[in-house]
C-alpha cells in the first residue's frame, strides 16, 4: 500500500465508549481516505464519525464497525 495516498485528514471528533455511562462520545481523530478508517493515537480505530446522532447507532445502521 502506498502510504503517500493514505495521508490522514483531521477531524474534530473521535467515537469512544464511556464505560461509566455506556454512552458513545465524540472526541478527536483522523480519517485515512485510502483505507476508509478513522483513528487516533491512543489506539481507537473506527470507521465512522457523525456528530448529529449516536455514533454507534449511525455506524451500525450504515454497516460500519467500531473497534477499540
PDB file of N, CA and C in Angstrom:
ATOM      1  N   UNK A   1       0.845  -1.195   0.000  1.00  0.00           N
ATOM      2  CA  UNK A   1       0.000   0.000   0.000  1.00  0.00           C
ATOM      3  C   UNK A   1       0.886   1.252   0.000  1.00  0.00           C
ATOM      4  N   UNK A   2       0.579   2.169  -0.869  1.00  0.00           N
ATOM      5  CA  UNK A   2       1.333   3.418  -0.940  1.00  0.00           C
ATOM      6  C   UNK A   2       0.845   4.348   0.160  1.00  0.00           C
ATOM      7  N   UNK A   3       1.659   4.540   1.196  1.00  0.00           N
ATOM      8  CA  UNK A   3       1.248   5.356   2.338  1.00  0.00           C
ATOM      9  C   UNK A   3       1.052   6.824   1.966  1.00  0.00           C
ATOM     10  N   UNK A   4       1.708   7.275   0.893  1.00  0.00           N
ATOM     11  CA  UNK A   4       1.535   8.676   0.480  1.00  0.00           C
ATOM     12  C   UNK A   4       0.095   8.960   0.074  1.00  0.00           C
ATOM     13  N   UNK A   5      -0.613   7.941  -0.385  1.00  0.00           N
ATOM     14  CA  UNK A   5      -2.004   8.111  -0.791  1.00  0.00           C
ATOM     15  C   UNK A   5      -2.959   8.035   0.400  1.00  0.00           C
ATOM     16  N   UNK A   6      -2.423   7.688   1.550  1.00  0.00           N
ATOM     17  CA  UNK A   6      -3.261   7.481   2.725  1.00  0.00           C
ATOM     18  C   UNK A   6      -2.974   8.528   3.804  1.00  0.00           C
ATOM     19  N   UNK A   7      -2.710   9.757   3.373  1.00  0.00           N
ATOM     20  CA  UNK A   7      -2.442  10.841   4.312  1.00  0.00           C
ATOM     21  C   UNK A   7      -3.702  11.136   5.122  1.00  0.00           C
ATOM     22  N   UNK A   8      -3.587  11.210   6.442  1.00  0.00           N
ATOM     23  CA  UNK A   8      -4.783  11.424   7.266  1.00  0.00           C
ATOM     24  C   UNK A   8      -5.369  12.819   7.119  1.00  0.00           C
ATOM     25  N   UNK A   9      -6.684  12.874   7.187  1.00  0.00           N
ATOM     26  CA  UNK A   9      -7.422  14.131   7.212  1.00  0.00           C
ATOM     27  C   UNK A   9      -7.948  14.285   8.633  1.00  0.00           C
ATOM     28  N   UNK A  10      -7.640  15.410   9.254  1.00  0.00           N
ATOM     29  CA  UNK A  10      -8.007  15.587  10.663  1.00  0.00           C
ATOM     30  C   UNK A  10      -9.489  15.905  10.834  1.00  0.00           C
ATOM     31  N   UNK A  11     -10.108  15.283  11.825  1.00  0.00           N
ATOM     32  CA  UNK A  11     -11.474  15.587  12.221  1.00  0.00           C
ATOM     33  C   UNK A  11     -11.461  16.117  13.647  1.00  0.00           C
ATOM     34  N   UNK A  12     -12.564  16.684  14.082  1.00  0.00           N
ATOM     35  CA  UNK A  12     -12.679  17.229  15.433  1.00  0.00           C
ATOM     36  C   UNK A  12     -13.269  16.231  16.413  1.00  0.00           C
ATOM     37  N   UNK A  13     -13.451  14.999  16.008  1.00  0.00           N
ATOM     38  CA  UNK A  13     -14.097  14.078  16.927  1.00  0.00           C
ATOM     39  C   UNK A  13     -13.605  12.655  16.838  1.00  0.00           C
ATOM     40  N   UNK A  14     -13.750  11.958  17.923  1.00  0.00           N
ATOM     41  CA  UNK A  14     -13.452  10.528  17.993  1.00  0.00           C
ATOM     42  C   UNK A  14     -14.636   9.864  18.667  1.00  0.00           C
ATOM     43  N   UNK A  15     -14.983   8.692  18.210  1.00  0.00           N
ATOM     44  CA  UNK A  15     -16.044   7.955  18.870  1.00  0.00           C
ATOM     45  C   UNK A  15     -15.407   7.083  19.938  1.00  0.00           C
ATOM     46  N   UNK A  16     -15.810   7.253  21.161  1.00  0.00           N
ATOM     47  CA  UNK A  16     -15.271   6.469  22.267  1.00  0.00           C
ATOM     48  C   UNK A  16     -16.397   6.026  23.185  1.00  0.00           C
ATOM     49  N   UNK A  17     -16.273   4.832  23.718  1.00  0.00           N
ATOM     50  CA  UNK A  17     -17.280   4.330  24.642  1.00  0.00           C
ATOM     51  C   UNK A  17     -16.893   4.715  26.061  1.00  0.00           C
ATOM     52  N   UNK A  18     -17.773   5.461  26.704  1.00  0.00           N
ATOM     53  CA  UNK A  18     -17.561   5.840  28.092  1.00  0.00           C
ATOM     54  C   UNK A  18     -18.063   4.690  28.964  1.00  0.00           C
ATOM     55  N   UNK A  19     -17.129   4.012  29.634  1.00  0.00           N
ATOM     56  CA  UNK A  19     -17.507   2.827  30.403  1.00  0.00           C
ATOM     57  C   UNK A  19     -18.384   3.144  31.604  1.00  0.00           C
ATOM     58  N   UNK A  20     -18.368   4.381  32.070  1.00  0.00           N
ATOM     59  CA  UNK A  20     -19.167   4.736  33.241  1.00  0.00           C
ATOM     60  C   UNK A  20     -20.658   4.782  32.918  1.00  0.00           C
ATOM     61  N   UNK A  21     -21.018   5.463  31.833  1.00  0.00           N
ATOM     62  CA  UNK A  21     -22.440   5.571  31.492  1.00  0.00           C
ATOM     63  C   UNK A  21     -22.799   4.828  30.208  1.00  0.00           C
ATOM     64  N   UNK A  22     -21.828   4.115  29.646  1.00  0.00           N
ATOM     65  CA  UNK A  22     -22.041   3.301  28.441  1.00  0.00           C
ATOM     66  C   UNK A  22     -22.571   4.117  27.263  1.00  0.00           C
ATOM     67  N   UNK A  23     -22.179   5.377  27.186  1.00  0.00           N
ATOM     68  CA  UNK A  23     -22.584   6.220  26.068  1.00  0.00           C
ATOM     69  C   UNK A  23     -21.390   6.473  25.159  1.00  0.00           C
ATOM     70  N   UNK A  24     -21.674   6.598  23.877  1.00  0.00           N
ATOM     71  CA  UNK A  24     -20.624   6.885  22.906  1.00  0.00           C
ATOM     72  C   UNK A  24     -20.390   8.379  22.851  1.00  0.00           C
ATOM     73  N   UNK A  25     -19.119   8.787  22.964  1.00  0.00           N
ATOM     74  CA  UNK A  25     -18.780  10.202  22.971  1.00  0.00           C
ATOM     75  C   UNK A  25     -17.924  10.547  21.759  1.00  0.00           C
ATOM     76  N   UNK A  26     -18.027  11.800  21.310  1.00  0.00           N
ATOM     77  CA  UNK A  26     -17.236  12.285  20.189  1.00  0.00           C
ATOM     78  C   UNK A  26     -15.982  12.961  20.732  1.00  0.00           C
ATOM     79  N   UNK A  27     -14.823  12.530  20.254  1.00  0.00           N
ATOM     80  CA  UNK A  27     -13.570  13.138  20.686  1.00  0.00           C
ATOM     81  C   UNK A  27     -12.713  13.509  19.470  1.00  0.00           C
ATOM     82  N   UNK A  28     -11.454  13.130  19.399  1.00  0.00           N
ATOM     83  CA  UNK A  28     -10.583  13.586  18.307  1.00  0.00           C
ATOM     84  C   UNK A  28     -10.017  12.438  17.495  1.00  0.00           C
ATOM     85  N   UNK A  29      -9.951  12.578  16.171  1.00  0.00           N
ATOM     86  CA  UNK A  29      -9.464  11.501  15.323  1.00  0.00           C
ATOM     87  C   UNK A  29      -8.955  11.998  13.986  1.00  0.00           C
ATOM     88  N   UNK A  30      -8.438  11.068  13.210  1.00  0.00           N
ATOM     89  CA  UNK A  30      -8.012  11.336  11.836  1.00  0.00           C
ATOM     90  C   UNK A  30      -8.662  10.316  10.912  1.00  0.00           C
ATOM     91  N   UNK A  31      -8.977  10.754   9.712  1.00  0.00           N
ATOM     92  CA  UNK A  31      -9.575   9.873   8.710  1.00  0.00           C
ATOM     93  C   UNK A  31      -8.536   9.544   7.643  1.00  0.00           C
ATOM     94  N   UNK A  32      -8.367   8.253   7.354  1.00  0.00           N
ATOM     95  CA  UNK A  32      -7.451   7.811   6.304  1.00  0.00           C
ATOM     96  C   UNK A  32      -8.273   7.436   5.073  1.00  0.00           C
ATOM     97  N   UNK A  33      -8.242   8.278   4.031  1.00  0.00           N
ATOM     98  CA  UNK A  33      -9.141   8.080   2.887  1.00  0.00           C
ATOM     99  C   UNK A  33      -8.897   6.783   2.122  1.00  0.00           C
ATOM    100  N   UNK A  34      -7.669   6.297   2.069  1.00  0.00           N
ATOM    101  CA  UNK A  34      -7.396   5.098   1.283  1.00  0.00           C
ATOM    102  C   UNK A  34      -7.999   3.856   1.927  1.00  0.00           C
ATOM    103  N   UNK A  35      -7.873   3.772   3.242  1.00  0.00           N
ATOM    104  CA  UNK A  35      -8.411   2.608   3.939  1.00  0.00           C
ATOM    105  C   UNK A  35      -9.817   2.854   4.462  1.00  0.00           C
ATOM    106  N   UNK A  36     -10.246   4.121   4.489  1.00  0.00           N
ATOM    107  CA  UNK A  36     -11.577   4.450   4.971  1.00  0.00           C
ATOM    108  C   UNK A  36     -11.713   4.343   6.474  1.00  0.00           C
ATOM    109  N   UNK A  37     -10.589   4.385   7.184  1.00  0.00           N
ATOM    110  CA  UNK A  37     -10.655   4.236   8.634  1.00  0.00           C
ATOM    111  C   UNK A  37     -10.389   5.551   9.344  1.00  0.00           C
ATOM    112  N   UNK A  38     -10.956   5.657  10.516  1.00  0.00           N
ATOM    113  CA  UNK A  38     -10.716   6.787  11.392  1.00  0.00           C
ATOM    114  C   UNK A  38      -9.927   6.264  12.580  1.00  0.00           C
ATOM    115  N   UNK A  39      -8.903   6.978  12.989  1.00  0.00           N
ATOM    116  CA  UNK A  39      -8.160   6.507  14.142  1.00  0.00           C
ATOM    117  C   UNK A  39      -7.560   7.665  14.907  1.00  0.00           C
ATOM    118  N   UNK A  40      -6.970   7.341  16.045  1.00  0.00           N
ATOM    119  CA  UNK A  40      -6.439   8.322  16.974  1.00  0.00           C
ATOM    120  C   UNK A  40      -5.254   7.670  17.652  1.00  0.00           C
ATOM    121  N   UNK A  41      -4.277   8.471  18.073  1.00  0.00           N
ATOM    122  CA  UNK A  41      -3.012   7.933  18.566  1.00  0.00           C
ATOM    123  C   UNK A  41      -3.169   6.997  19.752  1.00  0.00           C
ATOM    124  N   UNK A  42      -4.231   7.161  20.516  1.00  0.00           N
ATOM    125  CA  UNK A  42      -4.451   6.318  21.673  1.00  0.00           C
ATOM    126  C   UNK A  42      -4.856   4.896  21.347  1.00  0.00           C
ATOM    127  N   UNK A  43      -5.081   4.593  20.085  1.00  0.00           N
ATOM    128  CA  UNK A  43      -5.367   3.229  19.695  1.00  0.00           C
ATOM    129  C   UNK A  43      -6.794   2.969  19.236  1.00  0.00           C
ATOM    130  N   UNK A  44      -7.675   3.939  19.353  1.00  0.00           N
ATOM    131  CA  UNK A  44      -9.031   3.747  18.847  1.00  0.00           C
ATOM    132  C   UNK A  44      -9.008   3.755  17.326  1.00  0.00           C
ATOM    133  N   UNK A  45      -9.655   2.781  16.724  1.00  0.00           N
ATOM    134  CA  UNK A  45      -9.822   2.756  15.274  1.00  0.00           C
ATOM    135  C   UNK A  45     -11.306   2.613  14.988  1.00  0.00           C
ATOM    136  N   UNK A  46     -11.840   3.540  14.233  1.00  0.00           N
ATOM    137  CA  UNK A  46     -13.254   3.491  13.911  1.00  0.00           C
ATOM    138  C   UNK A  46     -13.453   3.833  12.447  1.00  0.00           C
ATOM    139  N   UNK A  47     -14.628   3.517  11.933  1.00  0.00           N
ATOM    140  CA  UNK A  47     -14.917   3.725  10.529  1.00  0.00           C
ATOM    141  C   UNK A  47     -15.987   4.770  10.292  1.00  0.00           C
ATOM    142  N   UNK A  48     -16.349   5.526  11.303  1.00  0.00           N
ATOM    143  CA  UNK A  48     -17.429   6.480  11.110  1.00  0.00           C
ATOM    144  C   UNK A  48     -17.348   7.630  12.101  1.00  0.00           C
ATOM    145  N   UNK A  49     -17.774   8.795  11.646  1.00  0.00           N
ATOM    146  CA  UNK A  49     -17.939   9.932  12.550  1.00  0.00           C
ATOM    147  C   UNK A  49     -19.171  10.705  12.107  1.00  0.00           C
ATOM    148  N   UNK A  50     -20.127  10.862  13.015  1.00  0.00           N
ATOM    149  CA  UNK A  50     -21.325  11.639  12.720  1.00  0.00           C
ATOM    150  C   UNK A  50     -21.798  12.230  14.032  1.00  0.00           C
ATOM    151  N   UNK A  51     -21.604  13.525  14.193  1.00  0.00           N
ATOM    152  CA  UNK A  51     -21.872  14.150  15.482  1.00  0.00           C
ATOM    153  C   UNK A  51     -23.351  14.471  15.707  1.00  0.00           C
ATOM    154  N   UNK A  52     -24.197  14.257  14.710  1.00  0.00           N
ATOM    155  CA  UNK A  52     -25.595  14.639  14.867  1.00  0.00           C
ATOM    156  C   UNK A  52     -26.469  13.566  15.506  1.00  0.00           C
ATOM    157  N   UNK A  53     -25.994  12.348  15.551  1.00  0.00           N
ATOM    158  CA  UNK A  53     -26.751  11.303  16.229  1.00  0.00           C
ATOM    159  C   UNK A  53     -25.777  10.360  16.908  1.00  0.00           C
ATOM    160  N   UNK A  54     -26.296   9.441  17.671  1.00  0.00           N
ATOM    161  CA  UNK A  54     -25.465   8.477  18.375  1.00  0.00           C
ATOM    162  C   UNK A  54     -24.525   7.797  17.383  1.00  0.00           C
ATOM    163  N   UNK A  55     -23.226   7.925  17.636  1.00  0.00           N
ATOM    164  CA  UNK A  55     -22.243   7.450  16.664  1.00  0.00           C
ATOM    165  C   UNK A  55     -22.299   5.937  16.483  1.00  0.00           C
ATOM    166  N   UNK A  56     -22.501   5.211  17.560  1.00  0.00           N
ATOM    167  CA  UNK A  56     -22.577   3.756  17.442  1.00  0.00           C
ATOM    168  C   UNK A  56     -23.811   3.348  16.635  1.00  0.00           C
ATOM    169  N   UNK A  57     -24.927   4.009  16.903  1.00  0.00           N
ATOM    170  CA  UNK A  57     -26.169   3.740  16.170  1.00  0.00           C
ATOM    171  C   UNK A  57     -25.989   4.036  14.679  1.00  0.00           C
ATOM    172  N   UNK A  58     -25.373   5.187  14.387  1.00  0.00           N
ATOM    173  CA  UNK A  58     -25.136   5.559  12.994  1.00  0.00           C
ATOM    174  C   UNK A  58     -24.241   4.532  12.324  1.00  0.00           C
ATOM    175  N   UNK A  59     -23.206   4.104  13.027  1.00  0.00           N
ATOM    176  CA  UNK A  59     -22.270   3.126  12.471  1.00  0.00           C
ATOM    177  C   UNK A  59     -22.979   1.822  12.137  1.00  0.00           C
ATOM    178  N   UNK A  60     -23.778   1.339  13.074  1.00  0.00           N
ATOM    179  CA  UNK A  60     -24.483   0.079  12.858  1.00  0.00           C
ATOM    180  C   UNK A  60     -25.470   0.185  11.694  1.00  0.00           C
ATOM    181  N   UNK A  61     -26.180   1.296  11.602  1.00  0.00           N
ATOM    182  CA  UNK A  61     -27.140   1.499  10.523  1.00  0.00           C
ATOM    183  C   UNK A  61     -26.470   1.532   9.154  1.00  0.00           C
ATOM    184  N   UNK A  62     -25.210   2.001   9.122  1.00  0.00           N
ATOM    185  CA  UNK A  62     -24.523   2.169   7.856  1.00  0.00           C
ATOM    186  C   UNK A  62     -23.480   1.084   7.583  1.00  0.00           C
ATOM    187  N   UNK A  63     -23.540   0.019   8.361  1.00  0.00           N
ATOM    188  CA  UNK A  63     -22.681  -1.122   8.107  1.00  0.00           C
ATOM    189  C   UNK A  63     -21.235  -0.950   8.529  1.00  0.00           C
ATOM    190  N   UNK A  64     -20.978   0.006   9.423  1.00  0.00           N
ATOM    191  CA  UNK A  64     -19.616   0.210   9.916  1.00  0.00           C
ATOM    192  C   UNK A  64     -19.416  -0.508  11.239  1.00  0.00           C
ATOM    193  N   UNK A  65     -18.148  -0.690  11.599  1.00  0.00           N
ATOM    194  CA  UNK A  65     -17.801  -1.351  12.849  1.00  0.00           C
ATOM    195  C   UNK A  65     -16.939  -0.418  13.675  1.00  0.00           C
ATOM    196  N   UNK A  66     -17.220  -0.333  14.965  1.00  0.00           N
ATOM    197  CA  UNK A  66     -16.404   0.454  15.872  1.00  0.00           C
ATOM    198  C   UNK A  66     -15.489  -0.517  16.615  1.00  0.00           C
ATOM    199  N   UNK A  67     -14.183  -0.281  16.535  1.00  0.00           N
ATOM    200  CA  UNK A  67     -13.198  -1.193  17.111  1.00  0.00           C
ATOM    201  C   UNK A  67     -12.351  -0.441  18.116  1.00  0.00           C
ATOM    202  N   UNK A  68     -12.122  -1.060  19.258  1.00  0.00           N
ATOM    203  CA  UNK A  68     -11.226  -0.439  20.226  1.00  0.00           C
ATOM    204  C   UNK A  68      -9.833  -1.001  20.012  1.00  0.00           C
TER     205      UNK A  68
END
